[in-house]
Structures are given as C-alpha cells and as structure tokens.
Amino acid sequence: MDRVVLVAALNPEARERARELLEDQAAHEPVTDRQGVFLSDSEVVFFFEGPEAEAAVREILDDPVRSTAVSAWLPLFSGPLHRAYEVLFFERGDV
C-alpha cells in the first residue's frame, strides 16, 4: 500500500479560496483508493493512499491536461508544494 502526502504553506487569506477549490474538486473521481485534504489557516495537506498511489500522483503532476487540477492551487501557495515522507505509521493491532 503506497501513501503519498503533499504539503504546501498557504498565503495569508487563501483559506477561503482553498475551501472553494475543495468543493469544486469533491465531485471528481478519486485517483487512489483513499484520499483526503487537510486544511489549516496556514497549510494544506493532500493525502493519497492505495496500490500505486505514487504512480497515480506522478501521472497527474506530469500530465499537462490532468495537472490543471493542481494549477488552480498554485496561486494560493506561499512556498513550493512538497512531499512529506512517511517515517512512522501505526494501525490498531500492529505489533
């Protein structure tokens, strides 16, 4: 199971526009088995999980047509969109 997490700092006052983008994108078909977006006042975190999640995310970022979903976010970022690497993950019942 692959997990990909992408993080970006938001420009001040970008949170409301981020919420609007999320509402628009909620109607789109997920690209992985599980995905989510976490939003704070200053950051956005994109989470993707599933078999070949890394390949699915790369395919979107590398495809000029599909990457338009990301391009709407770029003006909201105060820094680069970057990957956060998993260093620890727990599930109940893991030993």
C-alpha atoms as a PDB file:
ATOM      1  CA  MET A   1       0.000   0.000   0.000  1.00  0.00           C
ATOM      2  CA  ASP A   2       1.510   3.332  -1.072  1.00  0.00           C
ATOM      3  CA  ARG A   3       0.893   6.571   0.814  1.00  0.00           C
ATOM      4  CA  VAL A   4       1.738   9.967  -0.631  1.00  0.00           C
ATOM      5  CA  VAL A   5       1.432  13.196   1.338  1.00  0.00           C
ATOM      6  CA  LEU A   6       1.944  16.584  -0.302  1.00  0.00           C
ATOM      7  CA  VAL A   7       2.160  19.763   1.795  1.00  0.00           C
ATOM      8  CA  ALA A   8       2.173  23.473   0.988  1.00  0.00           C
ATOM      9  CA  ALA A   9       2.097  26.631   3.048  1.00  0.00           C
ATOM     10  CA  LEU A  10      -0.805  28.911   2.174  1.00  0.00           C
ATOM     11  CA  ASN A  11      -0.686  32.626   1.504  1.00  0.00           C
ATOM     12  CA  PRO A  12      -2.471  34.711   4.126  1.00  0.00           C
ATOM     13  CA  GLU A  13      -6.206  34.874   3.437  1.00  0.00           C
ATOM     14  CA  ALA A  14      -6.057  31.906   0.980  1.00  0.00           C
ATOM     15  CA  ARG A  15      -8.075  29.542   3.161  1.00  0.00           C
ATOM     16  CA  GLU A  16     -11.481  30.572   1.794  1.00  0.00           C
ATOM     17  CA  ARG A  17     -10.362  30.130  -1.817  1.00  0.00           C
ATOM     18  CA  ALA A  18      -8.931  26.721  -0.836  1.00  0.00           C
ATOM     19  CA  ARG A  19     -12.341  25.727   0.545  1.00  0.00           C
ATOM     20  CA  GLU A  20     -13.957  26.759  -2.749  1.00  0.00           C
ATOM     21  CA  LEU A  21     -11.482  24.640  -4.727  1.00  0.00           C
ATOM     22  CA  LEU A  22     -12.170  21.672  -2.463  1.00  0.00           C
ATOM     23  CA  GLU A  23     -15.906  21.979  -3.027  1.00  0.00           C
ATOM     24  CA  ASP A  24     -15.342  22.017  -6.799  1.00  0.00           C
ATOM     25  CA  GLN A  25     -12.940  19.089  -6.716  1.00  0.00           C
ATOM     26  CA  ALA A  26     -15.103  16.950  -4.404  1.00  0.00           C
ATOM     27  CA  ALA A  27     -17.194  15.926  -7.400  1.00  0.00           C
ATOM     28  CA  HIS A  28     -14.193  14.456  -9.230  1.00  0.00           C
ATOM     29  CA  GLU A  29     -13.409  10.749  -9.189  1.00  0.00           C
ATOM     30  CA  PRO A  30     -10.642   9.886  -6.694  1.00  0.00           C
ATOM     31  CA  VAL A  31      -7.332   8.860  -8.254  1.00  0.00           C
ATOM     32  CA  THR A  32      -6.461   6.451  -5.434  1.00  0.00           C
ATOM     33  CA  ASP A  33      -8.398   4.132  -3.124  1.00  0.00           C
ATOM     34  CA  ARG A  34      -8.305   6.679  -0.318  1.00  0.00           C
ATOM     35  CA  GLN A  35      -7.512  10.348  -0.433  1.00  0.00           C
ATOM     36  CA  GLY A  36      -8.140  13.425   1.615  1.00  0.00           C
ATOM     37  CA  VAL A  37      -7.232  17.039   2.042  1.00  0.00           C
ATOM     38  CA  PHE A  38      -6.428  18.636   5.389  1.00  0.00           C
ATOM     39  CA  LEU A  39      -6.664  22.403   5.688  1.00  0.00           C
ATOM     40  CA  SER A  40      -5.433  24.738   8.403  1.00  0.00           C
ATOM     41  CA  ASP A  41      -5.242  28.522   8.403  1.00  0.00           C
ATOM     42  CA  SER A  42      -1.695  28.342   7.072  1.00  0.00           C
ATOM     43  CA  GLU A  43      -1.224  24.980   5.311  1.00  0.00           C
ATOM     44  CA  VAL A  44      -2.862  22.428   3.072  1.00  0.00           C
ATOM     45  CA  VAL A  45      -2.049  18.715   3.128  1.00  0.00           C
ATOM     46  CA  PHE A  46      -3.050  16.319   0.342  1.00  0.00           C
ATOM     47  CA  PHE A  47      -3.167  12.605   1.252  1.00  0.00           C
ATOM     48  CA  PHE A  48      -3.329   9.715  -1.236  1.00  0.00           C
ATOM     49  CA  GLU A  49      -3.347   6.011  -0.353  1.00  0.00           C
ATOM     50  CA  GLY A  50      -3.681   2.869  -2.415  1.00  0.00           C
ATOM     51  CA  PRO A  51      -1.800   0.482  -4.641  1.00  0.00           C
ATOM     52  CA  GLU A  52       0.389   2.518  -6.982  1.00  0.00           C
ATOM     53  CA  ALA A  53      -0.584   5.800  -5.259  1.00  0.00           C
ATOM     54  CA  GLU A  54       2.803   7.309  -6.029  1.00  0.00           C
ATOM     55  CA  ALA A  55       2.435   6.490  -9.734  1.00  0.00           C
ATOM     56  CA  ALA A  56      -1.105   7.924  -9.778  1.00  0.00           C
ATOM     57  CA  VAL A  57       0.024  11.207  -8.205  1.00  0.00           C
ATOM     58  CA  ARG A  58       3.024  11.469 -10.539  1.00  0.00           C
ATOM     59  CA  GLU A  59       0.772  10.840 -13.522  1.00  0.00           C
ATOM     60  CA  ILE A  60      -1.414  13.800 -12.548  1.00  0.00           C
ATOM     61  CA  LEU A  61       1.524  16.115 -11.920  1.00  0.00           C
ATOM     62  CA  ASP A  62       3.249  15.137 -15.172  1.00  0.00           C
ATOM     63  CA  ASP A  63       0.167  15.300 -17.414  1.00  0.00           C
ATOM     64  CA  PRO A  64      -0.483  18.792 -18.845  1.00  0.00           C
ATOM     65  CA  VAL A  65      -4.235  18.213 -19.006  1.00  0.00           C
ATOM     66  CA  ARG A  66      -4.740  16.488 -15.641  1.00  0.00           C
ATOM     67  CA  SER A  67      -2.341  18.841 -13.848  1.00  0.00           C
ATOM     68  CA  THR A  68      -4.828  21.685 -14.295  1.00  0.00           C
ATOM     69  CA  ALA A  69      -6.432  20.420 -11.066  1.00  0.00           C
ATOM     70  CA  VAL A  70      -3.199  21.430  -9.334  1.00  0.00           C
ATOM     71  CA  SER A  71      -2.650  24.680 -11.233  1.00  0.00           C
ATOM     72  CA  ALA A  72      -5.664  26.321  -9.576  1.00  0.00           C
ATOM     73  CA  TRP A  73      -3.932  25.799  -6.220  1.00  0.00           C
ATOM     74  CA  LEU A  74      -0.569  27.306  -7.164  1.00  0.00           C
ATOM     75  CA  PRO A  75      -1.509  30.981  -6.568  1.00  0.00           C
ATOM     76  CA  LEU A  76      -2.602  30.025  -3.039  1.00  0.00           C
ATOM     77  CA  PHE A  77       0.781  28.621  -2.038  1.00  0.00           C
ATOM     78  CA  SER A  78       3.365  30.791  -0.287  1.00  0.00           C
ATOM     79  CA  GLY A  79       6.029  28.181  -0.967  1.00  0.00           C
ATOM     80  CA  PRO A  80       6.505  25.042  -3.009  1.00  0.00           C
ATOM     81  CA  LEU A  81       4.195  22.055  -2.928  1.00  0.00           C
ATOM     82  CA  HIS A  82       6.433  19.367  -1.485  1.00  0.00           C
ATOM     83  CA  ARG A  83       6.248  15.787  -0.374  1.00  0.00           C
ATOM     84  CA  ALA A  84       6.277  14.771   3.277  1.00  0.00           C
ATOM     85  CA  TYR A  85       7.784  11.312   3.686  1.00  0.00           C
ATOM     86  CA  GLU A  86       6.254   8.746   5.998  1.00  0.00           C
ATOM     87  CA  VAL A  87       8.568   7.928   8.874  1.00  0.00           C
ATOM     88  CA  LEU A  88       6.100   6.223  11.200  1.00  0.00           C
ATOM     89  CA  PHE A  89       2.608   4.794  10.769  1.00  0.00           C
ATOM     90  CA  PHE A  90       0.516   2.870  13.281  1.00  0.00           C
ATOM     91  CA  GLU A  91      -2.612   0.774  12.939  1.00  0.00           C
ATOM     92  CA  ARG A  92      -4.503  -0.682  15.850  1.00  0.00           C
ATOM     93  CA  GLY A  93      -3.445  -4.276  16.387  1.00  0.00           C
ATOM     94  CA  ASP A  94       0.029  -3.779  14.874  1.00  0.00           C
ATOM     95  CA  VAL A  95       2.794  -5.256  16.927  1.00  0.00           C
END
